[in-house]
């Protein structure tokens, strides 16, 4: 089974990696600073519950099927700097630059360790029908990508 947030060992791994983040850590690619990344990832977790609404890009069915397959069924990493985010989660474009590193780290860790903390959406805004296990896999993949962005 692919790593996902329903697995205690995967949650522990991500928590340990989050704990390695420091306020002055530099990204290896991309434009977000560490605080923006943690806010982005926390908001990403909230998408699963419908607490943050996102606008998916308009693409064809084949693109959606391919993205779904790669996220849910492979360990192929998302391309660095090539994967667009939803406008609502784009911290840089929206000019969002939170300053409380400690609180952001706490919120992200809690989001990971308590996933799912409530009912998840049954339909992903871009990828279609989704289960808790699909969301858990998607969230692990997303967090792994951004933690690697900061070398942890």
N, C-alpha and C. Protein backbone atom coordinates (compact mmCIF):
# COMPACT_ATOMS: atom_id res chain seq x y z
N UNK A 1 0.84 -1.19 0.00
CA UNK A 1 0.00 0.00 0.00
C UNK A 1 0.88 1.25 0.00
N UNK A 2 0.53 2.22 -0.80
CA UNK A 2 1.27 3.48 -0.87
C UNK A 2 1.10 4.25 0.44
N UNK A 3 2.12 5.02 0.80
CA UNK A 3 2.05 5.79 2.04
C UNK A 3 0.89 6.76 1.99
N UNK A 4 0.20 6.90 3.14
CA UNK A 4 -0.92 7.83 3.23
C UNK A 4 -1.13 8.22 4.69
N UNK A 5 -1.94 9.24 4.90
CA UNK A 5 -2.14 9.78 6.25
C UNK A 5 -3.01 8.91 7.15
N UNK A 6 -3.52 7.81 6.65
CA UNK A 6 -4.24 6.88 7.52
C UNK A 6 -3.28 5.92 8.22
N UNK A 7 -2.04 5.91 7.81
CA UNK A 7 -1.02 5.03 8.39
C UNK A 7 -0.25 5.76 9.49
N UNK A 8 -0.29 5.22 10.71
CA UNK A 8 0.44 5.89 11.81
C UNK A 8 1.92 6.13 11.51
N UNK A 9 2.58 5.18 10.86
CA UNK A 9 4.01 5.37 10.57
C UNK A 9 4.25 6.48 9.55
N UNK A 10 3.34 6.65 8.61
CA UNK A 10 3.46 7.74 7.63
C UNK A 10 3.22 9.09 8.31
N UNK A 11 2.25 9.15 9.21
CA UNK A 11 2.01 10.39 9.96
C UNK A 11 3.23 10.74 10.81
N UNK A 12 3.80 9.73 11.46
CA UNK A 12 4.98 9.96 12.30
C UNK A 12 6.15 10.46 11.45
N UNK A 13 6.35 9.85 10.29
CA UNK A 13 7.43 10.27 9.39
C UNK A 13 7.26 11.73 9.01
N UNK A 14 6.06 12.12 8.60
CA UNK A 14 5.82 13.51 8.20
C UNK A 14 6.01 14.47 9.38
N UNK A 15 5.53 14.06 10.55
CA UNK A 15 5.68 14.90 11.75
C UNK A 15 7.16 15.12 12.06
N UNK A 16 7.95 14.08 11.96
CA UNK A 16 9.39 14.22 12.21
C UNK A 16 10.04 15.15 11.20
N UNK A 17 9.61 15.06 9.97
CA UNK A 17 10.15 15.95 8.92
C UNK A 17 9.70 17.39 9.14
N UNK A 18 8.45 17.59 9.52
CA UNK A 18 7.96 18.94 9.82
C UNK A 18 8.77 19.54 10.97
N UNK A 19 9.11 18.71 11.96
CA UNK A 19 9.89 19.19 13.10
C UNK A 19 11.30 19.63 12.72
N UNK A 20 11.79 19.22 11.56
CA UNK A 20 13.11 19.64 11.09
C UNK A 20 13.09 21.02 10.44
N UNK A 21 11.90 21.52 10.15
CA UNK A 21 11.79 22.86 9.55
C UNK A 21 12.25 23.92 10.54
N UNK A 22 12.90 24.95 10.03
CA UNK A 22 13.37 26.08 10.83
C UNK A 22 12.93 27.37 10.15
N UNK A 23 12.76 28.45 10.92
CA UNK A 23 12.29 29.71 10.32
C UNK A 23 13.15 30.23 9.17
N UNK A 24 14.44 29.97 9.20
CA UNK A 24 15.33 30.52 8.18
C UNK A 24 15.70 29.50 7.09
N UNK A 25 15.04 28.35 7.06
CA UNK A 25 15.36 27.31 6.08
C UNK A 25 15.04 27.82 4.67
N UNK A 26 15.90 27.48 3.73
CA UNK A 26 15.73 27.94 2.36
C UNK A 26 15.11 26.85 1.49
N UNK A 27 14.26 27.25 0.58
CA UNK A 27 13.66 26.31 -0.36
C UNK A 27 14.68 25.93 -1.42
N UNK A 28 14.55 24.72 -1.93
CA UNK A 28 15.43 24.25 -3.00
C UNK A 28 14.87 24.62 -4.37
N UNK A 29 13.58 24.87 -4.44
CA UNK A 29 12.92 25.31 -5.67
C UNK A 29 11.64 26.04 -5.28
N UNK A 30 11.07 26.73 -6.22
CA UNK A 30 9.80 27.41 -5.99
C UNK A 30 9.99 28.78 -5.36
N UNK A 31 8.85 29.44 -5.12
CA UNK A 31 8.86 30.82 -4.63
C UNK A 31 8.42 30.97 -3.18
N UNK A 32 7.75 29.96 -2.63
CA UNK A 32 7.24 30.08 -1.26
C UNK A 32 8.36 30.00 -0.24
N UNK A 33 8.22 30.80 0.82
CA UNK A 33 9.10 30.63 1.97
C UNK A 33 8.49 29.56 2.87
N UNK A 34 9.17 29.19 3.93
CA UNK A 34 8.71 28.08 4.77
C UNK A 34 7.35 28.37 5.41
N UNK A 35 7.10 29.60 5.84
CA UNK A 35 5.81 29.92 6.44
C UNK A 35 4.68 29.82 5.42
N UNK A 36 4.93 30.31 4.22
CA UNK A 36 3.93 30.20 3.16
C UNK A 36 3.65 28.74 2.82
N UNK A 37 4.71 27.93 2.79
CA UNK A 37 4.54 26.51 2.50
C UNK A 37 3.69 25.83 3.56
N UNK A 38 3.95 26.12 4.82
CA UNK A 38 3.16 25.47 5.89
C UNK A 38 1.70 25.91 5.82
N UNK A 39 1.44 27.19 5.54
CA UNK A 39 0.06 27.65 5.39
C UNK A 39 -0.60 26.98 4.18
N UNK A 40 0.13 26.91 3.07
CA UNK A 40 -0.34 26.26 1.86
C UNK A 40 -0.73 24.80 2.13
N UNK A 41 0.11 24.09 2.85
CA UNK A 41 -0.15 22.67 3.15
C UNK A 41 -1.31 22.51 4.13
N UNK A 42 -1.40 23.38 5.12
CA UNK A 42 -2.53 23.32 6.05
C UNK A 42 -3.83 23.61 5.32
N UNK A 43 -3.82 24.62 4.46
CA UNK A 43 -5.01 24.91 3.66
C UNK A 43 -5.33 23.75 2.73
N UNK A 44 -4.29 23.10 2.20
CA UNK A 44 -4.49 21.93 1.36
C UNK A 44 -5.22 20.82 2.08
N UNK A 45 -4.87 20.61 3.35
CA UNK A 45 -5.59 19.62 4.16
C UNK A 45 -7.06 20.01 4.31
N UNK A 46 -7.31 21.30 4.43
CA UNK A 46 -8.69 21.78 4.61
C UNK A 46 -9.54 21.61 3.36
N UNK A 47 -8.90 21.51 2.19
CA UNK A 47 -9.64 21.25 0.96
C UNK A 47 -10.37 19.92 1.07
N UNK A 48 -9.74 18.95 1.70
CA UNK A 48 -10.34 17.61 1.83
C UNK A 48 -11.68 17.64 2.56
N UNK A 49 -11.87 18.63 3.43
CA UNK A 49 -13.11 18.74 4.21
C UNK A 49 -14.10 19.71 3.59
N UNK A 50 -13.67 20.41 2.56
CA UNK A 50 -14.52 21.44 1.98
C UNK A 50 -14.44 22.76 2.71
N UNK A 51 -13.51 22.89 3.65
CA UNK A 51 -13.34 24.13 4.41
C UNK A 51 -12.63 25.21 3.60
N UNK A 52 -11.85 24.81 2.63
CA UNK A 52 -11.22 25.72 1.68
C UNK A 52 -11.72 25.28 0.30
N UNK A 53 -12.35 26.18 -0.39
CA UNK A 53 -12.88 25.90 -1.73
C UNK A 53 -11.83 26.28 -2.76
N UNK A 54 -11.64 25.42 -3.76
CA UNK A 54 -10.65 25.69 -4.79
C UNK A 54 -11.29 25.63 -6.18
N UNK A 55 -10.65 26.32 -7.10
CA UNK A 55 -11.11 26.37 -8.48
C UNK A 55 -10.16 25.56 -9.34
N UNK A 56 -10.59 24.37 -9.77
CA UNK A 56 -9.69 23.56 -10.60
C UNK A 56 -9.51 24.13 -11.99
N UNK A 57 -8.33 23.89 -12.56
CA UNK A 57 -8.09 24.34 -13.93
C UNK A 57 -8.91 23.46 -14.87
N UNK A 58 -9.25 24.01 -15.98
CA UNK A 58 -10.02 23.27 -16.97
C UNK A 58 -9.06 22.49 -17.87
N UNK A 59 -9.15 21.16 -17.78
CA UNK A 59 -8.33 20.30 -18.62
C UNK A 59 -9.20 19.16 -19.12
N UNK A 60 -8.65 18.36 -19.97
CA UNK A 60 -9.39 17.23 -20.51
C UNK A 60 -9.43 16.04 -19.57
N UNK A 61 -10.28 15.10 -19.89
CA UNK A 61 -10.47 13.92 -19.06
C UNK A 61 -9.21 13.07 -18.98
N UNK A 62 -8.42 13.01 -20.05
CA UNK A 62 -7.21 12.20 -20.05
C UNK A 62 -6.18 12.77 -19.06
N UNK A 63 -6.03 14.08 -19.04
CA UNK A 63 -5.11 14.72 -18.09
C UNK A 63 -5.53 14.40 -16.66
N UNK A 64 -6.81 14.52 -16.37
CA UNK A 64 -7.31 14.22 -15.02
C UNK A 64 -7.04 12.77 -14.65
N UNK A 65 -7.30 11.86 -15.58
CA UNK A 65 -7.06 10.43 -15.32
C UNK A 65 -5.59 10.16 -15.05
N UNK A 66 -4.72 10.80 -15.82
CA UNK A 66 -3.28 10.59 -15.64
C UNK A 66 -2.81 11.14 -14.30
N UNK A 67 -3.24 12.35 -13.95
CA UNK A 67 -2.86 12.94 -12.66
C UNK A 67 -3.36 12.06 -11.52
N UNK A 68 -4.61 11.64 -11.60
CA UNK A 68 -5.19 10.78 -10.57
C UNK A 68 -4.37 9.50 -10.42
N UNK A 69 -4.05 8.87 -11.54
CA UNK A 69 -3.29 7.63 -11.51
C UNK A 69 -1.92 7.85 -10.86
N UNK A 70 -1.18 8.87 -11.29
CA UNK A 70 0.16 9.10 -10.75
C UNK A 70 0.14 9.41 -9.26
N UNK A 71 -0.85 10.18 -8.81
CA UNK A 71 -0.93 10.53 -7.39
C UNK A 71 -1.32 9.32 -6.54
N UNK A 72 -2.34 8.62 -6.97
CA UNK A 72 -2.90 7.56 -6.13
C UNK A 72 -2.18 6.22 -6.23
N UNK A 73 -1.56 5.93 -7.37
CA UNK A 73 -1.08 4.57 -7.59
C UNK A 73 0.41 4.44 -7.90
N UNK A 74 1.15 5.54 -7.88
CA UNK A 74 2.59 5.44 -8.11
C UNK A 74 3.33 6.23 -7.04
N UNK A 75 4.62 6.06 -7.03
CA UNK A 75 5.49 6.87 -6.16
C UNK A 75 6.30 7.87 -6.96
N UNK A 76 5.84 8.16 -8.17
CA UNK A 76 6.53 9.13 -9.01
C UNK A 76 6.30 10.53 -8.44
N UNK A 77 7.38 11.23 -8.18
CA UNK A 77 7.29 12.56 -7.56
C UNK A 77 6.74 13.59 -8.55
N UNK A 78 6.02 14.56 -8.01
CA UNK A 78 5.54 15.68 -8.83
C UNK A 78 6.75 16.46 -9.32
N UNK A 79 6.69 16.93 -10.56
CA UNK A 79 7.83 17.69 -11.08
C UNK A 79 8.04 18.99 -10.30
N UNK A 80 9.29 19.26 -9.97
CA UNK A 80 9.63 20.48 -9.23
C UNK A 80 9.29 21.70 -10.09
N UNK A 81 8.62 22.65 -9.49
CA UNK A 81 8.28 23.94 -10.11
C UNK A 81 7.36 23.83 -11.32
N UNK A 82 6.92 22.65 -11.66
CA UNK A 82 6.09 22.49 -12.85
C UNK A 82 4.62 22.25 -12.50
N UNK A 83 4.34 21.97 -11.25
CA UNK A 83 2.99 21.63 -10.86
C UNK A 83 2.28 22.89 -10.37
N UNK A 84 1.25 23.30 -11.09
CA UNK A 84 0.49 24.50 -10.70
C UNK A 84 -0.42 24.18 -9.52
N UNK A 85 -0.64 25.17 -8.69
CA UNK A 85 -1.56 25.00 -7.57
C UNK A 85 -2.86 25.72 -7.90
N UNK A 86 -3.86 25.49 -7.08
CA UNK A 86 -5.12 26.22 -7.22
C UNK A 86 -4.87 27.68 -6.85
N UNK A 87 -5.53 28.61 -7.52
CA UNK A 87 -5.33 30.03 -7.19
C UNK A 87 -5.56 30.32 -5.70
N UNK A 88 -6.51 29.64 -5.10
CA UNK A 88 -6.85 29.89 -3.69
C UNK A 88 -5.75 29.43 -2.73
N UNK A 89 -4.85 28.56 -3.21
CA UNK A 89 -3.76 28.06 -2.37
C UNK A 89 -2.41 28.68 -2.74
N UNK A 90 -2.41 29.60 -3.67
CA UNK A 90 -1.17 30.22 -4.12
C UNK A 90 -0.82 31.39 -3.21
N UNK A 91 -0.01 31.10 -2.21
CA UNK A 91 0.35 32.10 -1.19
C UNK A 91 1.10 33.28 -1.79
N UNK A 92 1.99 33.02 -2.74
CA UNK A 92 2.81 34.08 -3.32
C UNK A 92 1.94 35.03 -4.15
N UNK A 93 1.15 34.48 -5.05
CA UNK A 93 0.30 35.31 -5.91
C UNK A 93 -0.73 36.09 -5.11
N UNK A 94 -1.20 35.51 -4.02
CA UNK A 94 -2.20 36.18 -3.18
C UNK A 94 -1.57 37.14 -2.18
N UNK A 95 -0.25 37.16 -2.10
CA UNK A 95 0.43 38.07 -1.18
C UNK A 95 0.28 37.67 0.28
N UNK A 96 0.07 36.39 0.53
CA UNK A 96 -0.08 35.89 1.90
C UNK A 96 1.29 35.46 2.42
N UNK A 97 1.71 36.09 3.52
CA UNK A 97 3.00 35.78 4.11
C UNK A 97 2.87 35.75 5.63
N UNK A 98 2.32 34.64 6.15
CA UNK A 98 2.11 34.55 7.61
C UNK A 98 3.45 34.61 8.36
N UNK A 99 3.41 35.11 9.58
CA UNK A 99 4.65 35.35 10.31
C UNK A 99 4.88 34.44 11.52
N UNK A 100 3.85 33.79 12.04
CA UNK A 100 4.01 33.00 13.27
C UNK A 100 4.44 31.58 12.95
N UNK A 101 5.74 31.38 12.79
CA UNK A 101 6.31 30.09 12.42
C UNK A 101 5.84 28.98 13.37
N UNK A 102 5.91 29.22 14.66
CA UNK A 102 5.57 28.20 15.65
C UNK A 102 4.12 27.76 15.52
N UNK A 103 3.21 28.71 15.36
CA UNK A 103 1.80 28.38 15.21
C UNK A 103 1.53 27.64 13.91
N UNK A 104 2.16 28.06 12.83
CA UNK A 104 1.99 27.38 11.55
C UNK A 104 2.47 25.94 11.62
N UNK A 105 3.60 25.73 12.27
CA UNK A 105 4.15 24.39 12.42
C UNK A 105 3.21 23.52 13.25
N UNK A 106 2.68 24.09 14.32
CA UNK A 106 1.73 23.37 15.18
C UNK A 106 0.47 22.99 14.39
N UNK A 107 -0.09 23.94 13.65
CA UNK A 107 -1.32 23.67 12.89
C UNK A 107 -1.10 22.59 11.83
N UNK A 108 0.03 22.63 11.16
CA UNK A 108 0.32 21.62 10.14
C UNK A 108 0.49 20.25 10.78
N UNK A 109 1.22 20.19 11.88
CA UNK A 109 1.42 18.92 12.58
C UNK A 109 0.10 18.36 13.07
N UNK A 110 -0.74 19.20 13.63
CA UNK A 110 -2.07 18.75 14.09
C UNK A 110 -2.91 18.26 12.91
N UNK A 111 -2.86 18.97 11.80
CA UNK A 111 -3.61 18.55 10.62
C UNK A 111 -3.19 17.18 10.12
N UNK A 112 -1.89 16.92 10.15
CA UNK A 112 -1.36 15.62 9.73
C UNK A 112 -1.77 14.54 10.71
N UNK A 113 -1.55 14.77 11.99
CA UNK A 113 -1.79 13.74 13.00
C UNK A 113 -3.26 13.44 13.25
N UNK A 114 -4.14 14.33 12.88
CA UNK A 114 -5.57 14.12 13.11
C UNK A 114 -6.36 13.87 11.84
N UNK A 115 -5.65 13.57 10.75
CA UNK A 115 -6.35 13.36 9.48
C UNK A 115 -6.99 11.99 9.42
N UNK A 116 -8.24 11.87 9.01
CA UNK A 116 -9.19 12.95 8.82
C UNK A 116 -9.84 13.31 10.15
N UNK A 117 -9.92 14.59 10.42
CA UNK A 117 -10.52 15.04 11.68
C UNK A 117 -12.03 15.14 11.58
N UNK A 118 -12.54 15.08 10.36
CA UNK A 118 -13.98 15.06 10.13
C UNK A 118 -14.24 14.47 8.75
N UNK A 119 -15.47 14.45 8.34
CA UNK A 119 -15.87 13.84 7.06
C UNK A 119 -15.18 14.56 5.91
N UNK A 120 -14.59 13.78 5.01
CA UNK A 120 -13.97 14.34 3.82
C UNK A 120 -14.98 14.41 2.69
N UNK A 121 -14.68 15.25 1.72
CA UNK A 121 -15.53 15.36 0.54
C UNK A 121 -15.51 14.04 -0.23
N UNK A 122 -16.63 13.68 -0.82
CA UNK A 122 -16.70 12.45 -1.61
C UNK A 122 -16.28 12.68 -3.06
N UNK A 123 -16.09 13.95 -3.43
CA UNK A 123 -15.64 14.29 -4.78
C UNK A 123 -14.52 15.31 -4.67
N UNK A 124 -13.36 14.97 -5.23
CA UNK A 124 -12.25 15.90 -5.30
C UNK A 124 -12.59 16.95 -6.36
N UNK A 125 -12.28 18.23 -6.11
CA UNK A 125 -12.65 19.28 -7.06
C UNK A 125 -12.07 19.09 -8.47
N UNK A 126 -10.97 18.38 -8.59
CA UNK A 126 -10.34 18.18 -9.90
C UNK A 126 -10.36 16.71 -10.34
N UNK A 127 -10.17 15.80 -9.38
CA UNK A 127 -9.93 14.40 -9.72
C UNK A 127 -11.15 13.49 -9.62
N UNK A 128 -12.29 14.04 -9.24
CA UNK A 128 -13.50 13.23 -9.22
C UNK A 128 -13.74 12.50 -7.91
N UNK A 129 -14.46 11.39 -8.00
CA UNK A 129 -14.86 10.62 -6.82
C UNK A 129 -13.64 10.26 -5.97
N UNK A 130 -13.74 10.53 -4.66
CA UNK A 130 -12.63 10.32 -3.74
C UNK A 130 -13.13 9.69 -2.46
N UNK A 131 -12.32 8.81 -1.90
CA UNK A 131 -12.59 8.20 -0.59
C UNK A 131 -11.64 8.82 0.44
N UNK A 132 -11.84 8.49 1.71
CA UNK A 132 -10.89 8.92 2.74
C UNK A 132 -9.48 8.44 2.40
N UNK A 133 -9.37 7.21 1.92
CA UNK A 133 -8.06 6.65 1.57
C UNK A 133 -7.43 7.43 0.41
N UNK A 134 -8.24 7.84 -0.57
CA UNK A 134 -7.72 8.65 -1.68
C UNK A 134 -7.20 9.99 -1.16
N UNK A 135 -7.99 10.63 -0.30
CA UNK A 135 -7.57 11.92 0.27
C UNK A 135 -6.28 11.74 1.08
N UNK A 136 -6.22 10.66 1.86
CA UNK A 136 -5.05 10.41 2.70
C UNK A 136 -3.80 10.22 1.85
N UNK A 137 -3.94 9.55 0.72
CA UNK A 137 -2.81 9.36 -0.19
C UNK A 137 -2.42 10.69 -0.84
N UNK A 138 -3.42 11.41 -1.30
CA UNK A 138 -3.17 12.71 -1.95
C UNK A 138 -2.47 13.66 -0.98
N UNK A 139 -2.92 13.71 0.25
CA UNK A 139 -2.33 14.62 1.23
C UNK A 139 -0.90 14.21 1.56
N UNK A 140 -0.64 12.91 1.68
CA UNK A 140 0.73 12.47 1.93
C UNK A 140 1.63 12.92 0.78
N UNK A 141 1.19 12.68 -0.44
CA UNK A 141 1.98 13.04 -1.62
C UNK A 141 2.26 14.54 -1.67
N UNK A 142 1.24 15.34 -1.37
CA UNK A 142 1.38 16.80 -1.38
C UNK A 142 2.38 17.25 -0.32
N UNK A 143 2.23 16.74 0.89
CA UNK A 143 3.13 17.13 1.98
C UNK A 143 4.57 16.67 1.70
N UNK A 144 4.72 15.46 1.20
CA UNK A 144 6.04 14.95 0.87
C UNK A 144 6.73 15.86 -0.15
N UNK A 145 6.00 16.26 -1.17
CA UNK A 145 6.53 17.15 -2.21
C UNK A 145 7.05 18.45 -1.59
N UNK A 146 6.26 19.07 -0.73
CA UNK A 146 6.67 20.36 -0.17
C UNK A 146 7.73 20.24 0.91
N UNK A 147 7.75 19.16 1.65
CA UNK A 147 8.83 18.98 2.61
C UNK A 147 10.15 18.75 1.88
N UNK A 148 10.12 18.03 0.77
CA UNK A 148 11.33 17.87 -0.06
C UNK A 148 11.77 19.21 -0.62
N UNK A 149 10.81 20.08 -0.90
CA UNK A 149 11.13 21.42 -1.40
C UNK A 149 12.06 22.15 -0.44
N UNK A 150 11.94 21.83 0.86
CA UNK A 150 12.77 22.47 1.89
C UNK A 150 13.83 21.52 2.44
N UNK A 151 14.06 20.44 1.73
CA UNK A 151 15.17 19.55 2.06
C UNK A 151 14.98 18.70 3.29
N UNK A 152 13.73 18.51 3.70
CA UNK A 152 13.46 17.65 4.86
C UNK A 152 12.56 16.49 4.49
